[in-house]
């Protein structure tokens, strides 16, 4: 049902970048400063990486009201649907009150994010929602490694950390493996085998742009206890 409230607020999906608060865009900084409420994909602001980045970039937002929209890390469709329904109901309630909401999203909202499902549901309900791009983690990772993601006619393939093992050889040129923390053991072993065979060169960065950032120019040195925010870049060896 569409809102009949012509003074309803606007939802902004804000990409806060990968970790370094200086990588937040000027548009993102302005909107988190101007919006009435900060929505976060967590139960507490202290546990939300996106919030911690934003508050380091814009310290004065520390006093703003925070709306938790916690979506569980599960494949249970019923549990996910219930969480999205509850989160969207909380958001629409504030929008009906005329509040503008900044939903803080790590990296860019369009890449493997919680926000896009919420964005679609809010738009379908008849409210205004706007996506504000942020620096994607893999761009910051490539900069930290000082390597190109692609050059000339090379192609780029972005894969989630749960991609099928043994499938890397199906994709030519550059492969980007995002959020590989949970399967890093299998990923590392496969990459080491491909490197030994002279097929690829692999790099990784954990917690890019954050105080605990670690750079691995040799994939064999990658800590298998690396967290969720580990991005791997795989370059095809030039013949």
C-alpha atoms as a PDB file:
ATOM      1  CA  UNK A   1       0.000   0.000   0.000  1.00  0.00           C
ATOM      2  CA  UNK A   2       1.426   3.349  -1.019  1.00  0.00           C
ATOM      3  CA  UNK A   3       1.885   6.043   1.570  1.00  0.00           C
ATOM      4  CA  UNK A   4      -0.574   8.914   1.306  1.00  0.00           C
ATOM      5  CA  UNK A   5       1.743  11.104   3.355  1.00  0.00           C
ATOM      6  CA  UNK A   6       3.208  13.675   0.965  1.00  0.00           C
ATOM      7  CA  UNK A   7       5.556  14.795   3.718  1.00  0.00           C
ATOM      8  CA  UNK A   8       7.039  11.347   4.289  1.00  0.00           C
ATOM      9  CA  UNK A   9      10.788  11.129   4.733  1.00  0.00           C
ATOM     10  CA  UNK A  10      13.368   9.702   2.342  1.00  0.00           C
ATOM     11  CA  UNK A  11      15.545   6.622   2.842  1.00  0.00           C
ATOM     12  CA  UNK A  12      19.167   6.957   1.729  1.00  0.00           C
ATOM     13  CA  UNK A  13      21.324   3.873   1.284  1.00  0.00           C
ATOM     14  CA  UNK A  14      24.755   5.310   2.079  1.00  0.00           C
ATOM     15  CA  UNK A  15      27.954   3.609   0.990  1.00  0.00           C
ATOM     16  CA  UNK A  16      30.548   4.537   3.624  1.00  0.00           C
ATOM     17  CA  UNK A  17      33.461   2.914   1.802  1.00  0.00           C
ATOM     18  CA  UNK A  18      35.640  -0.034   2.848  1.00  0.00           C
ATOM     19  CA  UNK A  19      37.125   1.196   6.120  1.00  0.00           C
ATOM     20  CA  UNK A  20      39.167   4.367   5.854  1.00  0.00           C
ATOM     21  CA  UNK A  21      36.843   7.220   6.912  1.00  0.00           C
ATOM     22  CA  UNK A  22      38.642   9.554   4.491  1.00  0.00           C
ATOM     23  CA  UNK A  23      37.261   7.440   1.639  1.00  0.00           C
ATOM     24  CA  UNK A  24      33.680   8.450   2.429  1.00  0.00           C
ATOM     25  CA  UNK A  25      32.385  10.683  -0.346  1.00  0.00           C
ATOM     26  CA  UNK A  26      31.440  14.293   0.321  1.00  0.00           C
ATOM     27  CA  UNK A  27      27.849  13.383  -0.577  1.00  0.00           C
ATOM     28  CA  UNK A  28      27.809  10.576   1.993  1.00  0.00           C
ATOM     29  CA  UNK A  29      29.257  12.883   4.654  1.00  0.00           C
ATOM     30  CA  UNK A  30      26.654  15.566   3.930  1.00  0.00           C
ATOM     31  CA  UNK A  31      23.729  13.158   4.055  1.00  0.00           C
ATOM     32  CA  UNK A  32      24.699  11.376   7.279  1.00  0.00           C
ATOM     33  CA  UNK A  33      25.099  14.826   8.811  1.00  0.00           C
ATOM     34  CA  UNK A  34      21.719  16.058   7.526  1.00  0.00           C
ATOM     35  CA  UNK A  35      19.546  12.953   8.037  1.00  0.00           C
ATOM     36  CA  UNK A  36      17.421  12.642  11.165  1.00  0.00           C
ATOM     37  CA  UNK A  37      18.099   8.961  11.854  1.00  0.00           C
ATOM     38  CA  UNK A  38      20.951   6.545  11.154  1.00  0.00           C
ATOM     39  CA  UNK A  39      19.837   2.999  10.300  1.00  0.00           C
ATOM     40  CA  UNK A  40      22.430   0.266  10.771  1.00  0.00           C
ATOM     41  CA  UNK A  41      22.590  -3.425   9.731  1.00  0.00           C
ATOM     42  CA  UNK A  42      23.325  -4.534  13.301  1.00  0.00           C
ATOM     43  CA  UNK A  43      21.768  -4.698  16.762  1.00  0.00           C
ATOM     44  CA  UNK A  44      24.170  -2.182  18.302  1.00  0.00           C
ATOM     45  CA  UNK A  45      26.154   0.714  16.829  1.00  0.00           C
ATOM     46  CA  UNK A  46      29.231  -0.557  18.684  1.00  0.00           C
ATOM     47  CA  UNK A  47      29.050  -3.770  16.622  1.00  0.00           C
ATOM     48  CA  UNK A  48      28.449  -2.041  13.278  1.00  0.00           C
ATOM     49  CA  UNK A  49      31.549  -1.501  11.152  1.00  0.00           C
ATOM     50  CA  UNK A  50      29.735   0.910   8.824  1.00  0.00           C
ATOM     51  CA  UNK A  51      28.661   3.062  11.778  1.00  0.00           C
ATOM     52  CA  UNK A  52      32.190   3.125  13.204  1.00  0.00           C
ATOM     53  CA  UNK A  53      33.543   4.341   9.862  1.00  0.00           C
ATOM     54  CA  UNK A  54      30.870   7.028   9.559  1.00  0.00           C
ATOM     55  CA  UNK A  55      31.338   8.355  13.094  1.00  0.00           C
ATOM     56  CA  UNK A  56      35.085   8.637  12.548  1.00  0.00           C
ATOM     57  CA  UNK A  57      34.418  10.676   9.399  1.00  0.00           C
ATOM     58  CA  UNK A  58      31.614  12.773  10.924  1.00  0.00           C
ATOM     59  CA  UNK A  59      32.068  12.772  14.742  1.00  0.00           C
ATOM     60  CA  UNK A  60      29.029  14.995  15.356  1.00  0.00           C
ATOM     61  CA  UNK A  61      26.640  12.201  14.292  1.00  0.00           C
ATOM     62  CA  UNK A  62      27.434  10.318  17.514  1.00  0.00           C
ATOM     63  CA  UNK A  63      24.367  11.889  19.128  1.00  0.00           C
ATOM     64  CA  UNK A  64      21.910  11.008  16.358  1.00  0.00           C
ATOM     65  CA  UNK A  65      19.173   8.424  16.936  1.00  0.00           C
ATOM     66  CA  UNK A  66      20.153   4.969  15.670  1.00  0.00           C
ATOM     67  CA  UNK A  67      17.662   2.501  14.180  1.00  0.00           C
ATOM     68  CA  UNK A  68      18.949  -1.108  14.287  1.00  0.00           C
ATOM     69  CA  UNK A  69      17.915  -3.231  11.292  1.00  0.00           C
ATOM     70  CA  UNK A  70      19.605  -6.528  12.049  1.00  0.00           C
ATOM     71  CA  UNK A  71      19.478  -9.145   9.283  1.00  0.00           C
ATOM     72  CA  UNK A  72      20.823 -12.567  10.337  1.00  0.00           C
ATOM     73  CA  UNK A  73      23.568 -14.329   8.398  1.00  0.00           C
ATOM     74  CA  UNK A  74      21.460 -17.315   7.417  1.00  0.00           C
ATOM     75  CA  UNK A  75      20.091 -19.054   4.338  1.00  0.00           C
ATOM     76  CA  UNK A  76      16.807 -19.776   6.107  1.00  0.00           C
ATOM     77  CA  UNK A  77      14.353 -17.949   3.839  1.00  0.00           C
ATOM     78  CA  UNK A  78      11.608 -17.706   6.452  1.00  0.00           C
ATOM     79  CA  UNK A  79      13.979 -16.221   9.034  1.00  0.00           C
ATOM     80  CA  UNK A  80      15.339 -13.723   6.508  1.00  0.00           C
ATOM     81  CA  UNK A  81      11.870 -12.689   5.338  1.00  0.00           C
ATOM     82  CA  UNK A  82      10.762 -12.101   8.926  1.00  0.00           C
ATOM     83  CA  UNK A  83      13.837  -9.973   9.658  1.00  0.00           C
ATOM     84  CA  UNK A  84      13.370  -7.860   6.516  1.00  0.00           C
ATOM     85  CA  UNK A  85       9.662  -7.432   7.282  1.00  0.00           C
ATOM     86  CA  UNK A  86      10.424  -6.212  10.803  1.00  0.00           C
ATOM     87  CA  UNK A  87      13.230  -3.927   9.632  1.00  0.00           C
ATOM     88  CA  UNK A  88      11.198  -2.370   6.831  1.00  0.00           C
ATOM     89  CA  UNK A  89       8.241  -1.815   9.161  1.00  0.00           C
ATOM     90  CA  UNK A  90      10.493   0.103  11.548  1.00  0.00           C
ATOM     91  CA  UNK A  91      11.876   2.177   8.677  1.00  0.00           C
ATOM     92  CA  UNK A  92       8.472   3.002   7.170  1.00  0.00           C
ATOM     93  CA  UNK A  93       7.185   4.068  10.574  1.00  0.00           C
ATOM     94  CA  UNK A  94       9.932   6.700  10.780  1.00  0.00           C
ATOM     95  CA  UNK A  95       9.438   7.726   7.146  1.00  0.00           C
ATOM     96  CA  UNK A  96       5.726   8.299   7.866  1.00  0.00           C
ATOM     97  CA  UNK A  97       6.813  10.609  10.679  1.00  0.00           C
ATOM     98  CA  UNK A  98       8.667  12.688   8.077  1.00  0.00           C
ATOM     99  CA  UNK A  99      12.116  11.531   9.152  1.00  0.00           C
ATOM    100  CA  UNK A 100      14.935  11.193   6.626  1.00  0.00           C
ATOM    101  CA  UNK A 101      16.965   8.062   7.253  1.00  0.00           C
ATOM    102  CA  UNK A 102      20.565   7.269   6.304  1.00  0.00           C
ATOM    103  CA  UNK A 103      21.085   3.510   6.118  1.00  0.00           C
ATOM    104  CA  UNK A 104      24.827   2.946   6.582  1.00  0.00           C
ATOM    105  CA  UNK A 105      26.338   0.307   4.337  1.00  0.00           C
ATOM    106  CA  UNK A 106      29.946  -0.883   4.213  1.00  0.00           C
ATOM    107  CA  UNK A 107      31.574  -0.345   0.805  1.00  0.00           C
ATOM    108  CA  UNK A 108      28.995   0.258  -1.908  1.00  0.00           C
ATOM    109  CA  UNK A 109      25.280  -0.517  -1.382  1.00  0.00           C
ATOM    110  CA  UNK A 110      24.935  -2.304  -4.734  1.00  0.00           C
ATOM    111  CA  UNK A 111      27.571  -4.992  -4.062  1.00  0.00           C
ATOM    112  CA  UNK A 112      26.567  -7.960  -1.865  1.00  0.00           C
ATOM    113  CA  UNK A 113      24.763  -5.723   0.596  1.00  0.00           C
ATOM    114  CA  UNK A 114      21.847  -6.002   2.984  1.00  0.00           C
ATOM    115  CA  UNK A 115      20.567  -2.624   1.868  1.00  0.00           C
ATOM    116  CA  UNK A 116      19.365  -3.443  -1.660  1.00  0.00           C
ATOM    117  CA  UNK A 117      16.606  -5.786  -0.494  1.00  0.00           C
ATOM    118  CA  UNK A 118      15.415  -3.093   1.918  1.00  0.00           C
ATOM    119  CA  UNK A 119      15.653  -0.470  -0.838  1.00  0.00           C
ATOM    120  CA  UNK A 120      13.406  -2.501  -3.137  1.00  0.00           C
ATOM    121  CA  UNK A 121      10.825  -3.182  -0.430  1.00  0.00           C
ATOM    122  CA  UNK A 122      10.683   0.476   0.628  1.00  0.00           C
ATOM    123  CA  UNK A 123      10.264   1.608  -2.979  1.00  0.00           C
ATOM    124  CA  UNK A 124       7.538  -0.996  -3.544  1.00  0.00           C
ATOM    125  CA  UNK A 125       5.733   0.393  -0.507  1.00  0.00           C
ATOM    126  CA  UNK A 126       5.631   3.787  -2.208  1.00  0.00           C
ATOM    127  CA  UNK A 127       8.366   5.658  -0.359  1.00  0.00           C
ATOM    128  CA  UNK A 128      11.337   7.500  -1.816  1.00  0.00           C
ATOM    129  CA  UNK A 129      14.685   5.710  -1.512  1.00  0.00           C
ATOM    130  CA  UNK A 130      18.023   6.823  -2.924  1.00  0.00           C
ATOM    131  CA  UNK A 131      21.283   4.912  -3.384  1.00  0.00           C
ATOM    132  CA  UNK A 132      24.516   6.800  -2.621  1.00  0.00           C
ATOM    133  CA  UNK A 133      27.566   5.050  -4.046  1.00  0.00           C
ATOM    134  CA  UNK A 134      30.614   4.303  -1.940  1.00  0.00           C
ATOM    135  CA  UNK A 135      34.157   3.139  -2.710  1.00  0.00           C
ATOM    136  CA  UNK A 136      34.000  -0.681  -3.175  1.00  0.00           C
ATOM    137  CA  UNK A 137      36.356  -2.723  -1.021  1.00  0.00           C
ATOM    138  CA  UNK A 138      38.109  -4.331  -3.979  1.00  0.00           C
ATOM    139  CA  UNK A 139      39.100  -0.936  -5.400  1.00  0.00           C
ATOM    140  CA  UNK A 140      40.668   0.041  -2.074  1.00  0.00           C
ATOM    141  CA  UNK A 141      42.328  -3.394  -1.871  1.00  0.00           C
ATOM    142  CA  UNK A 142      43.917  -2.972  -5.311  1.00  0.00           C
ATOM    143  CA  UNK A 143      45.167   0.472  -4.289  1.00  0.00           C
ATOM    144  CA  UNK A 144      46.675  -0.937  -1.079  1.00  0.00           C
ATOM    145  CA  UNK A 145      48.407  -3.654  -3.104  1.00  0.00           C
ATOM    146  CA  UNK A 146      49.419  -1.140  -5.799  1.00  0.00           C
ATOM    147  CA  UNK A 147      48.209  -3.418  -8.576  1.00  0.00           C
ATOM    148  CA  UNK A 148      45.704  -2.855 -11.404  1.00  0.00           C
ATOM    149  CA  UNK A 149      42.401  -4.656 -11.240  1.00  0.00           C
ATOM    150  CA  UNK A 150      42.354  -4.793 -15.023  1.00  0.00           C
ATOM    151  CA  UNK A 151      44.216  -3.281 -17.946  1.00  0.00           C
ATOM    152  CA  UNK A 152      43.706  -3.217 -21.687  1.00  0.00           C
ATOM    153  CA  UNK A 153      41.194  -5.865 -22.730  1.00  0.00           C
ATOM    154  CA  UNK A 154      41.256  -7.839 -19.469  1.00  0.00           C
ATOM    155  CA  UNK A 155      37.950  -8.862 -17.928  1.00  0.00           C
ATOM    156  CA  UNK A 156      36.949  -8.735 -14.245  1.00  0.00           C
ATOM    157  CA  UNK A 157      34.967 -11.388 -12.374  1.00  0.00           C
ATOM    158  CA  UNK A 158      33.563 -10.670  -8.896  1.00  0.00           C
ATOM    159  CA  UNK A 159      32.734 -13.774  -6.883  1.00  0.00           C
ATOM    160  CA  UNK A 160      31.366 -14.253  -3.349  1.00  0.00           C
ATOM    161  CA  UNK A 161      33.462 -16.148  -0.815  1.00  0.00           C
ATOM    162  CA  UNK A 162      31.097 -19.131  -1.133  1.00  0.00           C
ATOM    163  CA  UNK A 163      31.833 -19.594  -4.845  1.00  0.00           C
ATOM    164  CA  UNK A 164      32.164 -23.201  -5.992  1.00  0.00           C
ATOM    165  CA  UNK A 165      35.567 -24.638  -5.226  1.00  0.00           C
ATOM    166  CA  UNK A 166      37.543 -25.616  -8.311  1.00  0.00           C
ATOM    167  CA  UNK A 167      35.740 -23.087 -10.527  1.00  0.00           C
ATOM    168  CA  UNK A 168      38.410 -20.374 -10.646  1.00  0.00           C
ATOM    169  CA  UNK A 169      39.907 -21.705 -13.861  1.00  0.00           C
ATOM    170  CA  UNK A 170      36.559 -21.083 -15.580  1.00  0.00           C
ATOM    171  CA  UNK A 171      37.062 -17.311 -15.355  1.00  0.00           C
ATOM    172  CA  UNK A 172      39.820 -15.586 -17.368  1.00  0.00           C
ATOM    173  CA  UNK A 173      41.959 -12.610 -16.313  1.00  0.00           C
ATOM    174  CA  UNK A 174      41.136 -10.990 -12.946  1.00  0.00           C
ATOM    175  CA  UNK A 175      39.066 -12.692 -10.238  1.00  0.00           C
ATOM    176  CA  UNK A 176      37.934 -10.841  -7.118  1.00  0.00           C
ATOM    177  CA  UNK A 177      36.851 -13.036  -4.192  1.00  0.00           C
ATOM    178  CA  UNK A 178      34.866 -11.042  -1.662  1.00  0.00           C
ATOM    179  CA  UNK A 179      34.020 -11.855   1.959  1.00  0.00           C
ATOM    180  CA  UNK A 180      36.093 -15.030   1.899  1.00  0.00           C
ATOM    181  CA  UNK A 181      36.655 -15.291   5.663  1.00  0.00           C
ATOM    182  CA  UNK A 182      34.436 -18.318   6.290  1.00  0.00           C
ATOM    183  CA  UNK A 183      35.980 -20.409   3.505  1.00  0.00           C
ATOM    184  CA  UNK A 184      39.486 -18.977   3.531  1.00  0.00           C
ATOM    185  CA  UNK A 185      41.150 -22.335   4.226  1.00  0.00           C
ATOM    186  CA  UNK A 186      39.773 -23.905   1.025  1.00  0.00           C
ATOM    187  CA  UNK A 187      40.359 -20.713  -0.976  1.00  0.00           C
ATOM    188  CA  UNK A 188      43.991 -20.482   0.124  1.00  0.00           C
ATOM    189  CA  UNK A 189      44.716 -24.127  -0.730  1.00  0.00           C
ATOM    190  CA  UNK A 190      43.204 -23.813  -4.200  1.00  0.00           C
ATOM    191  CA  UNK A 191      45.103 -20.607  -4.932  1.00  0.00           C
ATOM    192  CA  UNK A 192      48.389 -22.080  -3.760  1.00  0.00           C
ATOM    193  CA  UNK A 193      47.923 -25.026  -6.114  1.00  0.00           C
ATOM    194  CA  UNK A 194      47.176 -22.731  -9.057  1.00  0.00           C
ATOM    195  CA  UNK A 195      50.179 -20.543  -8.231  1.00  0.00           C
ATOM    196  CA  UNK A 196      52.452 -23.565  -8.059  1.00  0.00           C
ATOM    197  CA  UNK A 197      51.211 -24.534 -11.507  1.00  0.00           C
ATOM    198  CA  UNK A 198      52.125 -21.081 -12.806  1.00  0.00           C
ATOM    199  CA  UNK A 199      48.552 -20.217 -13.723  1.00  0.00           C
ATOM    200  CA  UNK A 200      47.854 -17.278 -11.409  1.00  0.00           C
ATOM    201  CA  UNK A 201      49.263 -14.766  -8.931  1.00  0.00           C
ATOM    202  CA  UNK A 202      47.065 -14.124  -5.891  1.00  0.00           C
ATOM    203  CA  UNK A 203      47.001 -11.355  -3.290  1.00  0.00           C
ATOM    204  CA  UNK A 204      44.790 -10.590  -0.305  1.00  0.00           C
ATOM    205  CA  UNK A 205      43.948  -7.784   2.103  1.00  0.00           C
ATOM    206  CA  UNK A 206      42.060  -8.181   5.362  1.00  0.00           C
ATOM    207  CA  UNK A 207      40.118  -5.298   6.941  1.00  0.00           C
ATOM    208  CA  UNK A 208      41.162  -2.878   4.216  1.00  0.00           C
ATOM    209  CA  UNK A 209      41.443   0.716   5.413  1.00  0.00           C
ATOM    210  CA  UNK A 210      40.817  -0.214   9.040  1.00  0.00           C
ATOM    211  CA  UNK A 211      43.392   0.036  11.863  1.00  0.00           C
ATOM    212  CA  UNK A 212      43.850  -3.756  11.789  1.00  0.00           C
ATOM    213  CA  UNK A 213      44.454  -3.900   8.011  1.00  0.00           C
ATOM    214  CA  UNK A 214      46.829  -6.623   6.829  1.00  0.00           C
ATOM    215  CA  UNK A 215      48.265  -6.932   3.320  1.00  0.00           C
ATOM    216  CA  UNK A 216      49.341 -10.273   1.871  1.00  0.00           C
ATOM    217  CA  UNK A 217      51.374 -10.036  -1.324  1.00  0.00           C
ATOM    218  CA  UNK A 218      52.031 -13.778  -1.073  1.00  0.00           C
ATOM    219  CA  UNK A 219      48.878 -15.859  -0.742  1.00  0.00           C
ATOM    220  CA  UNK A 220      50.733 -18.527   1.226  1.00  0.00           C
ATOM    221  CA  UNK A 221      51.153 -16.023   4.067  1.00  0.00           C
ATOM    222  CA  UNK A 222      47.421 -15.360   4.365  1.00  0.00           C
ATOM    223  CA  UNK A 223      46.263 -15.951   7.911  1.00  0.00           C
ATOM    224  CA  UNK A 224      43.626 -18.682   7.813  1.00  0.00           C
ATOM    225  CA  UNK A 225      41.972 -16.999  10.797  1.00  0.00           C
ATOM    226  CA  UNK A 226      41.344 -13.919   8.665  1.00  0.00           C
ATOM    227  CA  UNK A 227      37.948 -12.417   9.253  1.00  0.00           C
ATOM    228  CA  UNK A 228      34.886 -11.912   7.116  1.00  0.00           C
ATOM    229  CA  UNK A 229      36.315  -8.764   5.555  1.00  0.00           C
ATOM    230  CA  UNK A 230      39.044 -10.447   3.530  1.00  0.00           C
ATOM    231  CA  UNK A 231      39.237  -9.681  -0.181  1.00  0.00           C
ATOM    232  CA  UNK A 232      41.380 -11.731  -2.551  1.00  0.00           C
ATOM    233  CA  UNK A 233      42.504 -10.550  -5.985  1.00  0.00           C
ATOM    234  CA  UNK A 234      43.637 -13.249  -8.406  1.00  0.00           C
ATOM    235  CA  UNK A 235      45.546 -12.239 -11.526  1.00  0.00           C
ATOM    236  CA  UNK A 236      45.968 -14.623 -14.431  1.00  0.00           C
ATOM    237  CA  UNK A 237      49.646 -15.150 -15.213  1.00  0.00           C
ATOM    238  CA  UNK A 238      50.518 -13.674 -18.574  1.00  0.00           C
ATOM    239  CA  UNK A 239      51.875 -16.232 -20.985  1.00  0.00           C
END
